[in-house]
Amino acid sequence: MKIAVISAILENPKQTQGGFNEIVAGFRGIVKGRMGIPFEKEGIAVVSITVTADMDEINNFTGKLGKLDGVTVKATVSKNEYEL
């Protein structure tokens, strides 16, 4: 298993957060923590999600999030494998 931090910027959170939250809920088995910071004046939100999973599942998760209009996603993945 890998440990990864998935960073997402929601350009229009009021329109995108419903779909975003639905996808995150679908991967709740691998999500270990989540932090969101609203930038109300700028009209964006920044979300950081920590996950533990194999690379296929991490890529599947980030791919689904990245397909949402107005959402930019990047993942930082541990170099090492862990027994979790």
C-alpha atoms as a PDB file:
ATOM      1  CA  MET A   1       0.000   0.000   0.000  1.00  0.00           C
ATOM      2  CA  LYS A   2       0.990   3.585  -0.639  1.00  0.00           C
ATOM      3  CA  ILE A   3       0.186   6.676   1.390  1.00  0.00           C
ATOM      4  CA  ALA A   4      -0.908   9.640  -0.706  1.00  0.00           C
ATOM      5  CA  VAL A   5      -2.121  13.183  -0.297  1.00  0.00           C
ATOM      6  CA  ILE A   6      -4.626  14.277  -2.909  1.00  0.00           C
ATOM      7  CA  SER A   7      -4.891  18.025  -3.356  1.00  0.00           C
ATOM      8  CA  ALA A   8      -7.876  19.549  -5.094  1.00  0.00           C
ATOM      9  CA  ILE A   9      -8.863  23.086  -6.009  1.00  0.00           C
ATOM     10  CA  LEU A  10     -12.569  23.631  -6.621  1.00  0.00           C
ATOM     11  CA  GLU A  11     -12.973  26.699  -8.835  1.00  0.00           C
ATOM     12  CA  ASN A  12     -16.693  27.052  -8.135  1.00  0.00           C
ATOM     13  CA  PRO A  13     -17.372  25.090  -4.952  1.00  0.00           C
ATOM     14  CA  LYS A  14     -21.105  25.776  -4.842  1.00  0.00           C
ATOM     15  CA  GLN A  15     -21.526  23.979  -8.178  1.00  0.00           C
ATOM     16  CA  THR A  16     -18.884  21.279  -7.805  1.00  0.00           C
ATOM     17  CA  GLN A  17     -18.957  20.240  -4.155  1.00  0.00           C
ATOM     18  CA  GLY A  18     -21.970  17.933  -4.524  1.00  0.00           C
ATOM     19  CA  GLY A  19     -20.298  15.765  -7.166  1.00  0.00           C
ATOM     20  CA  PHE A  20     -16.942  16.060  -5.408  1.00  0.00           C
ATOM     21  CA  ASN A  21     -18.377  14.868  -2.084  1.00  0.00           C
ATOM     22  CA  GLU A  22     -20.215  12.009  -3.801  1.00  0.00           C
ATOM     23  CA  ILE A  23     -16.962  10.718  -5.315  1.00  0.00           C
ATOM     24  CA  VAL A  24     -15.094  11.083  -2.008  1.00  0.00           C
ATOM     25  CA  ALA A  25     -17.858   9.153  -0.230  1.00  0.00           C
ATOM     26  CA  GLY A  26     -17.475   6.364  -2.780  1.00  0.00           C
ATOM     27  CA  PHE A  27     -13.828   5.994  -1.739  1.00  0.00           C
ATOM     28  CA  ARG A  28     -14.412   6.346   2.015  1.00  0.00           C
ATOM     29  CA  GLY A  29     -12.704   3.001   2.649  1.00  0.00           C
ATOM     30  CA  ILE A  30      -9.312   4.443   1.675  1.00  0.00           C
ATOM     31  CA  VAL A  31      -9.757   8.000   3.023  1.00  0.00           C
ATOM     32  CA  LYS A  32      -7.919   8.535   6.305  1.00  0.00           C
ATOM     33  CA  GLY A  33      -8.346  12.289   6.657  1.00  0.00           C
ATOM     34  CA  ARG A  34      -9.737  15.321   4.887  1.00  0.00           C
ATOM     35  CA  MET A  35      -9.292  19.061   5.297  1.00  0.00           C
ATOM     36  CA  GLY A  36     -11.060  21.767   3.344  1.00  0.00           C
ATOM     37  CA  ILE A  37     -10.331  25.480   3.305  1.00  0.00           C
ATOM     38  CA  PRO A  38     -12.865  27.844   1.725  1.00  0.00           C
ATOM     39  CA  PHE A  39     -11.618  31.010   0.049  1.00  0.00           C
ATOM     40  CA  GLU A  40     -14.997  32.716  -0.088  1.00  0.00           C
ATOM     41  CA  LYS A  41     -13.760  36.056  -1.430  1.00  0.00           C
ATOM     42  CA  GLU A  42     -11.924  34.308  -4.275  1.00  0.00           C
ATOM     43  CA  GLY A  43     -14.766  31.861  -4.925  1.00  0.00           C
ATOM     44  CA  ILE A  44     -12.648  28.716  -4.581  1.00  0.00           C
ATOM     45  CA  ALA A  45     -12.036  25.940  -2.073  1.00  0.00           C
ATOM     46  CA  VAL A  46      -8.881  23.930  -1.426  1.00  0.00           C
ATOM     47  CA  VAL A  47      -9.247  20.339  -0.238  1.00  0.00           C
ATOM     48  CA  SER A  48      -6.547  17.951   0.980  1.00  0.00           C
ATOM     49  CA  ILE A  49      -7.362  14.250   1.329  1.00  0.00           C
ATOM     50  CA  THR A  50      -4.995  11.663   2.818  1.00  0.00           C
ATOM     51  CA  VAL A  51      -5.488   8.094   1.573  1.00  0.00           C
ATOM     52  CA  THR A  52      -3.903   4.661   1.894  1.00  0.00           C
ATOM     53  CA  ALA A  53      -4.354   2.373  -1.106  1.00  0.00           C
ATOM     54  CA  ASP A  54      -2.618   0.727  -4.021  1.00  0.00           C
ATOM     55  CA  MET A  55      -1.680   2.873  -7.013  1.00  0.00           C
ATOM     56  CA  ASP A  56      -4.575   1.653  -9.159  1.00  0.00           C
ATOM     57  CA  GLU A  57      -7.108   2.813  -6.587  1.00  0.00           C
ATOM     58  CA  ILE A  58      -5.330   6.143  -5.993  1.00  0.00           C
ATOM     59  CA  ASN A  59      -5.284   6.771  -9.756  1.00  0.00           C
ATOM     60  CA  ASN A  60      -8.944   5.779 -10.070  1.00  0.00           C
ATOM     61  CA  PHE A  61      -9.890   8.192  -7.278  1.00  0.00           C
ATOM     62  CA  THR A  62      -7.905  11.142  -8.619  1.00  0.00           C
ATOM     63  CA  GLY A  63      -9.078  10.432 -12.164  1.00  0.00           C
ATOM     64  CA  LYS A  64     -12.739  10.621 -11.173  1.00  0.00           C
ATOM     65  CA  LEU A  65     -12.192  13.842  -9.219  1.00  0.00           C
ATOM     66  CA  GLY A  66     -10.222  15.366 -12.090  1.00  0.00           C
ATOM     67  CA  LYS A  67     -13.057  14.747 -14.566  1.00  0.00           C
ATOM     68  CA  LEU A  68     -15.306  17.159 -12.678  1.00  0.00           C
ATOM     69  CA  ASP A  69     -15.616  20.560 -14.357  1.00  0.00           C
ATOM     70  CA  GLY A  70     -13.855  23.243 -12.331  1.00  0.00           C
ATOM     71  CA  VAL A  71     -11.783  20.799 -10.268  1.00  0.00           C
ATOM     72  CA  THR A  72      -7.980  20.567 -10.487  1.00  0.00           C
ATOM     73  CA  VAL A  73      -6.395  17.544  -8.799  1.00  0.00           C
ATOM     74  CA  LYS A  74      -2.835  16.464  -8.024  1.00  0.00           C
ATOM     75  CA  ALA A  75      -1.569  13.545  -5.954  1.00  0.00           C
ATOM     76  CA  THR A  76       1.648  13.189  -4.009  1.00  0.00           C
ATOM     77  CA  VAL A  77       2.428   9.530  -3.359  1.00  0.00           C
ATOM     78  CA  SER A  78       4.888   7.914  -0.964  1.00  0.00           C
ATOM     79  CA  LYS A  79       7.929   6.309  -2.575  1.00  0.00           C
ATOM     80  CA  ASN A  80       7.751   3.324  -0.225  1.00  0.00           C
ATOM     81  CA  GLU A  81       5.158   0.604   0.204  1.00  0.00           C
ATOM     82  CA  TYR A  82       3.628   0.162   3.667  1.00  0.00           C
ATOM     83  CA  GLU A  83       1.882  -2.703   5.422  1.00  0.00           C
ATOM     84  CA  LEU A  84      -1.251  -1.015   6.719  1.00  0.00           C
END
